Amino acid sequence: MYRGKKRHEMPPHIYAISEAAYRSMLQDREDQSILCTGESGAGKTENTKKVIQYLAHVASSHKTGTLGRNKEASQMDGSRSLPRGSSMVNRSVQYGELERQLLQANPILEAFGNAKTVKNDNSSRFGKFIRINFDVAGYIVGANIETYLLEKSRAIRQAKDERTFHIFYQLMCGASEATRADLLLGSADQYRFLSGGAIPVPGQSDADNFTQTMDSMTIMGFTPEESLSMLKVISAVLQFGNISFTKEKNQDQCSMPDDTAAQKLSHLLGISVLEFSRAILTPRIKVGREYVQKAQTKEQADFAVEALAKATYERLFRWLVHRINRALDRRQRQGASFIGILDIAGFEIFQLNSFEQLC
């Protein structure tokens, strides 16, 4: 109902904003951007998804008037919270591969980059700029996603009544027995990195969301090997938190009395447990032109393990975004324009704020 209408002709709606940007891009031949900003929980991410749904609807090059596509289109819809009947997308379009993948990018990014906070059950813990490319006729020809300031510290520590990223709980609740065996998974209460936020989200099923995340990755073109490798990294991050060190008597250096977690981690990442243990307990340091091994204190070893866990998760997230872009970033046609949607992290002030919060 908003297509082809001017903003003053219809009630205020995010679709009207999307239509205005789309028409301005076509008529003025200028790139457009839509900025979604506000406090945490204001609805920025939900509105971002609706902008993408609208543009995928009006700019799809695979249109059909068949009403019988309701079920298929609904399955392609990347929004978990969209009420039935509220989107025109479900009734009038059969998406092509590119549009389907564009809609499925959101559930994947939400699983790996969103978390429950005291203010928002699905809070984006990173910012993103989604660039949708169009050809001269106004059809979608590609997309690209840039992300900013992932709150990687959440992977190892959460405030009271908060959770780490959704994917950890989805994996715990939704993985099959065979997958759990491959990933060496235990129960949620066995992991220190989950102890601060092992609470359910009202109205959400982590098991069902895990199925949707894996289905979205399949539509995006992830191979089974890629998906399993990503889950192995998730399991390895949890194992980092179970590594414990003990201070040696009469010495400042520490030791690792139980290397069970280190062995599991090394198996998941495909590295040598001996080399990993040496790198943590007695890392090589360059002194002049030579390298020497320096024993670490318990505090230094704990810090190193947590830093590695954060860096590992951040690298996984960056690879994930790169892999999504590889699927979406098709070759642009000459004269293409774009519409950008900026979804920045919400403004928050807590009693205890992390470095990422201050940025």
Protein backbone atom coordinates (compact mmCIF):
# COMPACT_ATOMS: atom_id res chain seq x y z
CA MET A 1 0.00 0.00 0.00
CA TYR A 2 3.00 2.33 0.39
CA ARG A 3 4.53 1.59 -2.99
CA GLY A 4 4.48 4.59 -5.31
CA LYS A 5 2.94 6.86 -2.66
CA LYS A 6 4.41 10.06 -1.23
CA ARG A 7 5.06 10.26 2.50
CA HIS A 8 2.28 12.80 3.17
CA GLU A 9 -0.28 10.61 1.40
CA MET A 10 -0.04 7.73 3.88
CA PRO A 11 0.15 7.30 7.69
CA PRO A 12 3.69 7.39 9.16
CA HIS A 13 5.40 4.03 8.78
CA ILE A 14 8.87 2.59 8.27
CA TYR A 15 7.69 1.42 4.85
CA ALA A 16 7.00 5.06 3.91
CA ILE A 17 10.58 5.99 4.82
CA SER A 18 11.87 3.05 2.77
CA GLU A 19 9.70 4.00 -0.21
CA ALA A 20 10.89 7.62 -0.05
CA ALA A 21 14.54 6.51 -0.07
CA TYR A 22 13.92 4.09 -2.93
CA ARG A 23 12.09 6.68 -5.07
CA SER A 24 14.73 9.34 -4.39
CA MET A 25 17.45 6.93 -5.47
CA LEU A 26 15.63 6.18 -8.75
CA GLN A 27 14.55 9.73 -9.57
CA ASP A 28 17.62 11.68 -8.42
CA ARG A 29 20.18 8.96 -9.25
CA GLU A 30 21.79 9.57 -5.87
CA ASP A 31 22.75 7.08 -3.17
CA GLN A 32 20.53 7.11 -0.08
CA SER A 33 21.03 6.17 3.57
CA ILE A 34 18.61 5.45 6.40
CA LEU A 35 19.89 5.93 9.97
CA CYS A 36 18.31 3.90 12.79
CA THR A 37 19.37 5.31 16.14
CA GLY A 38 18.05 5.55 19.69
CA GLU A 39 18.28 3.98 23.12
CA SER A 40 18.69 0.25 23.62
CA GLY A 41 15.36 -1.49 23.04
CA ALA A 42 13.88 1.33 20.93
CA GLY A 43 13.38 -0.97 17.93
CA LYS A 44 16.31 -0.07 15.69
CA THR A 45 17.11 -3.61 14.61
CA GLU A 46 13.44 -4.50 14.04
CA ASN A 47 12.98 -1.42 11.85
CA THR A 48 16.18 -2.26 9.98
CA LYS A 49 14.72 -5.68 9.16
CA LYS A 50 11.49 -4.11 7.93
CA VAL A 51 13.42 -1.74 5.65
CA ILE A 52 15.23 -4.73 4.13
CA GLN A 53 11.97 -6.66 3.76
CA TYR A 54 10.33 -3.73 1.98
CA LEU A 55 13.22 -3.17 -0.40
CA ALA A 56 13.43 -6.90 -1.14
CA HIS A 57 9.72 -6.76 -2.00
CA VAL A 58 9.64 -3.71 -4.27
CA ALA A 59 13.03 -4.30 -5.90
CA SER A 60 12.97 -8.06 -6.43
CA SER A 61 13.52 -9.16 -10.02
CA HIS A 62 11.71 -12.47 -9.34
CA LYS A 63 8.14 -11.25 -8.76
CA THR A 64 5.00 -13.35 -9.00
CA GLY A 65 1.39 -12.73 -8.20
CA THR A 66 0.77 -16.24 -6.91
CA LEU A 67 -0.93 -16.10 -3.51
CA GLY A 68 -0.09 -19.73 -2.92
CA ARG A 69 3.48 -18.78 -2.12
CA ASN A 70 2.51 -17.63 1.37
CA LYS A 71 4.16 -20.46 3.22
CA GLU A 72 7.39 -20.38 1.21
CA ALA A 73 7.73 -16.62 1.49
CA SER A 74 7.06 -16.79 5.22
CA GLN A 75 9.90 -19.27 5.63
CA MET A 76 12.21 -16.93 3.75
CA ASP A 77 11.31 -14.00 6.01
CA GLY A 78 14.33 -13.19 8.15
CA SER A 79 12.31 -11.68 11.02
CA ARG A 80 11.55 -13.84 14.04
CA SER A 81 9.16 -11.36 15.60
CA LEU A 82 7.10 -10.24 12.60
CA PRO A 83 3.37 -10.78 13.32
CA ARG A 84 1.38 -12.83 10.85
CA GLY A 85 -0.31 -10.75 8.21
CA SER A 86 1.69 -7.62 9.05
CA SER A 87 4.03 -7.87 6.09
CA MET A 88 3.08 -7.46 2.47
CA VAL A 89 6.13 -9.57 1.66
CA ASN A 90 4.38 -12.83 2.49
CA ARG A 91 1.54 -12.34 0.00
CA SER A 92 2.87 -11.08 -3.28
CA VAL A 93 6.44 -12.09 -4.04
CA GLN A 94 8.54 -15.15 -4.55
CA TYR A 95 12.10 -14.10 -3.85
CA GLY A 96 15.05 -14.98 -6.01
CA GLU A 97 18.18 -16.46 -4.45
CA LEU A 98 19.78 -13.09 -3.73
CA GLU A 99 16.71 -11.67 -2.00
CA ARG A 100 16.30 -14.86 0.04
CA GLN A 101 19.90 -14.68 1.20
CA LEU A 102 19.62 -10.99 2.02
CA LEU A 103 16.65 -11.69 4.30
CA GLN A 104 18.45 -14.59 5.97
CA ALA A 105 21.54 -12.55 6.87
CA ASN A 106 19.71 -11.02 9.84
CA PRO A 107 18.94 -14.24 11.77
CA ILE A 108 22.57 -15.32 11.40
CA LEU A 109 24.01 -12.00 12.55
CA GLU A 110 21.51 -11.83 15.42
CA ALA A 111 22.51 -15.29 16.64
CA PHE A 112 26.21 -14.42 16.74
CA GLY A 113 26.01 -10.71 17.59
CA ASN A 114 22.90 -10.19 19.75
CA ALA A 115 22.32 -10.96 23.41
CA LYS A 116 19.86 -10.51 26.25
CA THR A 117 20.48 -7.46 28.44
CA VAL A 118 18.47 -6.02 31.33
CA LYS A 119 16.84 -3.58 28.89
CA ASN A 120 16.37 -5.71 25.78
CA ASP A 121 15.95 -9.44 25.20
CA ASN A 122 17.47 -9.16 21.71
CA SER A 123 20.01 -6.37 22.00
CA SER A 124 22.48 -5.80 19.16
CA ARG A 125 25.98 -5.88 20.63
CA PHE A 126 27.54 -4.46 17.47
CA GLY A 127 26.77 -1.84 14.85
CA LYS A 128 26.23 -2.59 11.18
CA PHE A 129 25.92 -0.73 7.89
CA ILE A 130 24.00 -2.68 5.26
CA ARG A 131 24.56 -1.49 1.71
CA ILE A 132 22.02 -2.77 -0.84
CA ASN A 133 23.09 -2.23 -4.45
CA PHE A 134 20.59 -1.61 -7.26
CA ASP A 135 20.95 -1.50 -11.04
CA VAL A 136 19.70 1.38 -13.19
CA ALA A 137 16.25 -0.23 -13.39
CA GLY A 138 15.95 -0.35 -9.60
CA TYR A 139 16.45 -4.09 -9.10
CA ILE A 140 18.64 -5.49 -6.31
CA VAL A 141 21.95 -6.74 -7.70
CA GLY A 142 23.98 -7.24 -4.52
CA ALA A 143 24.57 -6.27 -0.92
CA ASN A 144 27.41 -5.74 1.52
CA ILE A 145 27.52 -5.59 5.32
CA GLU A 146 30.06 -3.72 7.44
CA THR A 147 30.12 -4.27 11.21
CA TYR A 148 31.53 -2.13 13.99
CA LEU A 149 32.57 -2.54 17.63
CA LEU A 150 31.45 -6.06 18.51
CA GLU A 151 31.17 -6.33 22.30
CA LYS A 152 33.58 -9.27 22.42
CA SER A 153 33.96 -9.05 26.21
CA ARG A 154 30.41 -10.45 26.47
CA ALA A 155 31.74 -13.80 25.25
CA ILE A 156 33.55 -14.27 28.57
CA ARG A 157 31.63 -12.17 31.10
CA GLN A 158 28.05 -10.96 31.56
CA ALA A 159 26.30 -8.80 34.14
CA LYS A 160 23.61 -10.19 36.44
CA ASP A 161 20.41 -11.21 34.61
CA GLU A 162 22.15 -10.90 31.22
CA ARG A 163 23.35 -13.51 28.75
CA THR A 164 26.22 -13.95 26.37
CA PHE A 165 25.53 -14.14 22.62
CA HIS A 166 22.45 -16.14 21.59
CA ILE A 167 24.40 -18.74 19.62
CA PHE A 168 25.94 -20.24 22.79
CA TYR A 169 22.52 -21.05 24.27
CA GLN A 170 21.11 -22.09 20.91
CA LEU A 171 23.92 -24.59 20.57
CA MET A 172 23.39 -25.92 24.10
CA CYS A 173 19.65 -26.43 23.60
CA GLY A 174 19.37 -27.29 19.93
CA ALA A 175 22.36 -29.45 18.97
CA SER A 176 21.70 -33.11 18.24
CA GLU A 177 23.42 -35.85 20.24
CA ALA A 178 25.76 -36.55 17.33
CA THR A 179 26.70 -32.87 17.05
CA ARG A 180 27.21 -32.62 20.81
CA ALA A 181 29.60 -35.56 20.63
CA ASP A 182 31.54 -33.98 17.76
CA LEU A 183 31.79 -30.68 19.66
CA LEU A 184 32.62 -32.31 23.04
CA LEU A 185 29.73 -30.36 24.58
CA GLY A 186 28.69 -30.62 28.21
CA SER A 187 25.74 -28.98 29.94
CA ALA A 188 25.47 -25.20 30.29
CA ASP A 189 26.22 -25.22 34.04
CA GLN A 190 29.61 -26.83 33.34
CA TYR A 191 30.97 -23.71 31.61
CA ARG A 192 32.34 -20.74 33.53
CA PHE A 193 31.69 -18.36 30.64
CA LEU A 194 27.96 -19.17 30.85
CA SER A 195 27.59 -19.03 34.63
CA GLY A 196 26.72 -15.32 34.69
CA GLY A 197 23.77 -15.49 32.35
CA ALA A 198 22.30 -18.99 32.03
CA ILE A 199 18.71 -17.72 32.02
CA PRO A 200 15.94 -18.26 29.44
CA VAL A 201 14.46 -15.49 27.31
CA PRO A 202 10.67 -15.20 27.78
CA GLY A 203 8.75 -16.19 24.66
CA GLN A 204 11.82 -17.58 22.89
CA SER A 205 12.99 -21.16 22.34
CA ASP A 206 16.75 -21.46 21.99
CA ALA A 207 16.32 -24.89 20.39
CA ASP A 208 13.92 -23.57 17.73
CA ASN A 209 16.13 -20.54 17.11
CA PHE A 210 19.13 -22.85 16.62
CA THR A 211 17.20 -24.68 13.90
CA GLN A 212 16.34 -21.37 12.23
CA THR A 213 19.95 -20.19 12.43
CA MET A 214 21.21 -23.38 10.79
CA ASP A 215 18.48 -23.20 8.13
CA SER A 216 19.46 -19.59 7.39
CA MET A 217 23.09 -20.62 7.01
CA THR A 218 22.05 -23.32 4.55
CA ILE A 219 20.09 -20.79 2.46
CA MET A 220 23.10 -18.47 2.62
CA GLY A 221 25.18 -21.22 1.02
CA PHE A 222 27.24 -22.39 4.00
CA THR A 223 28.51 -25.93 3.52
CA PRO A 224 27.99 -28.51 6.30
CA GLU A 225 31.74 -28.43 6.90
CA GLU A 226 31.73 -24.65 7.33
CA SER A 227 28.79 -24.77 9.74
CA LEU A 228 30.38 -27.51 11.83
CA SER A 229 33.71 -25.67 11.93
CA MET A 230 31.98 -22.55 13.23
CA LEU A 231 30.25 -24.54 15.97
CA LYS A 232 33.60 -26.09 16.92
CA VAL A 233 35.00 -22.59 17.46
CA ILE A 234 31.98 -21.74 19.65
CA SER A 235 32.61 -24.86 21.74
CA ALA A 236 36.32 -24.02 21.93
CA VAL A 237 35.56 -20.54 23.26
CA LEU A 238 33.58 -22.16 26.09
CA GLN A 239 36.50 -24.49 26.84
CA PHE A 240 38.81 -21.50 27.26
CA GLY A 241 36.79 -20.56 30.34
CA ASN A 242 37.23 -23.99 31.94
CA ILE A 243 41.03 -23.83 31.93
CA SER A 244 42.30 -23.20 35.46
CA PHE A 245 45.77 -22.45 36.78
CA THR A 246 47.42 -22.96 40.16
CA LYS A 247 50.21 -20.91 41.67
CA GLU A 248 53.36 -22.92 42.35
CA LYS A 249 54.54 -23.07 45.96
CA ASN A 250 57.27 -20.56 46.80
CA GLN A 251 57.25 -19.32 43.19
CA ASP A 252 55.43 -16.70 41.18
CA GLN A 253 54.90 -18.96 38.19
CA CYS A 254 51.79 -21.07 37.69
CA SER A 255 50.94 -24.52 36.40
CA MET A 256 47.96 -26.26 34.81
CA PRO A 257 47.19 -29.24 37.08
CA ASP A 258 44.26 -30.44 34.96
CA ASP A 259 44.61 -30.07 31.20
CA THR A 260 41.27 -31.69 30.26
CA ALA A 261 39.77 -28.43 28.99
CA ALA A 262 43.01 -27.62 27.16
CA GLN A 263 42.94 -31.01 25.44
CA LYS A 264 39.32 -30.52 24.33
CA LEU A 265 40.06 -27.01 23.11
CA SER A 266 43.13 -28.14 21.18
CA HIS A 267 41.18 -30.98 19.58
CA LEU A 268 38.39 -28.61 18.49
CA LEU A 269 40.81 -26.07 17.03
CA GLY A 270 43.16 -28.64 15.52
CA ILE A 271 46.26 -27.53 17.42
CA SER A 272 48.81 -29.26 19.64
CA VAL A 273 47.85 -29.25 23.32
CA LEU A 274 51.54 -29.26 24.26
CA GLU A 275 52.31 -26.17 22.18
CA PHE A 276 49.18 -24.44 23.47
CA SER A 277 50.12 -25.11 27.10
CA ARG A 278 53.65 -23.86 26.53
CA ALA A 279 52.38 -20.70 24.84
CA ILE A 280 50.21 -19.91 27.87
CA LEU A 281 52.50 -21.00 30.73
CA THR A 282 55.93 -20.15 29.30
CA PRO A 283 55.54 -17.93 26.21
CA ARG A 284 58.58 -17.01 24.13
CA ILE A 285 59.63 -13.36 24.44
CA LYS A 286 62.16 -11.60 22.24
CA VAL A 287 65.06 -10.11 24.20
CA GLY A 288 67.48 -8.32 21.93
CA ARG A 289 68.11 -10.72 19.07
CA GLU A 290 67.20 -13.85 20.98
CA TYR A 291 64.00 -15.48 22.20
CA VAL A 292 63.67 -16.63 25.79
CA GLN A 293 60.87 -18.43 27.61
CA LYS A 294 59.29 -16.53 30.49
CA ALA A 295 57.16 -18.25 33.13
CA GLN A 296 53.80 -16.60 33.73
CA THR A 297 51.98 -15.85 36.96
CA LYS A 298 48.46 -17.14 37.56
CA GLU A 299 47.04 -13.67 36.85
CA GLN A 300 48.97 -13.40 33.58
CA ALA A 301 47.84 -16.86 32.43
CA ASP A 302 44.19 -16.12 33.31
CA PHE A 303 44.39 -12.85 31.39
CA ALA A 304 45.97 -14.56 28.37
CA VAL A 305 43.26 -17.24 28.21
CA GLU A 306 40.44 -14.70 28.43
CA ALA A 307 42.10 -12.50 25.81
CA LEU A 308 42.45 -15.50 23.50
CA ALA A 309 38.78 -16.40 23.98
CA LYS A 310 37.67 -12.87 23.09
CA ALA A 311 39.99 -12.68 20.09
CA THR A 312 38.88 -16.10 18.85
CA TYR A 313 35.20 -15.14 18.98
CA GLU A 314 35.88 -11.80 17.31
CA ARG A 315 37.78 -13.52 14.49
CA LEU A 316 34.91 -15.96 14.07
CA PHE A 317 32.42 -13.08 13.82
CA ARG A 318 34.59 -11.25 11.28
CA TRP A 319 34.90 -14.42 9.19
CA LEU A 320 31.13 -14.90 9.38
CA VAL A 321 30.47 -11.39 8.06
CA HIS A 322 33.04 -11.93 5.30
CA ARG A 323 31.36 -15.22 4.35
CA ILE A 324 27.92 -13.57 4.21
CA ASN A 325 29.30 -10.77 2.06
CA ARG A 326 30.81 -13.33 -0.30
CA ALA A 327 27.32 -14.69 -0.90
CA LEU A 328 25.61 -11.29 -1.17
CA ASP A 329 28.18 -9.10 -2.90
CA ARG A 330 27.37 -9.89 -6.53
CA ARG A 331 29.11 -8.08 -9.38
CA GLN A 332 27.62 -4.62 -9.67
CA ARG A 333 26.20 -3.47 -12.99
CA GLN A 334 27.31 -0.20 -14.48
CA GLY A 335 25.44 2.82 -13.12
CA ALA A 336 24.36 1.05 -9.93
CA SER A 337 23.23 3.03 -6.87
CA PHE A 338 22.81 1.90 -3.29
CA ILE A 339 20.62 2.39 -0.24
CA GLY A 340 22.46 2.09 3.05
CA ILE A 341 20.85 1.20 6.38
CA LEU A 342 22.88 2.07 9.49
CA ASP A 343 21.86 0.15 12.61
CA ILE A 344 24.09 1.34 15.43
CA ALA A 345 24.24 -0.13 18.92
CA GLY A 346 21.80 1.48 21.35
CA PHE A 347 22.78 4.00 23.99
CA GLU A 348 23.18 2.41 27.43
CA ILE A 349 24.49 3.47 30.82
CA PHE A 350 24.99 0.68 33.36
CA GLN A 351 26.50 0.60 36.82
CA LEU A 352 29.44 -1.26 35.28
CA ASN A 353 30.32 -0.35 31.67
CA SER A 354 32.79 -2.24 29.48
CA PHE A 355 35.31 -0.63 27.14
CA GLU A 356 33.08 -1.40 24.14
CA GLN A 357 30.25 0.43 25.91
CA LEU A 358 32.33 3.60 26.17
CA CYS A 359 33.17 3.45 22.46
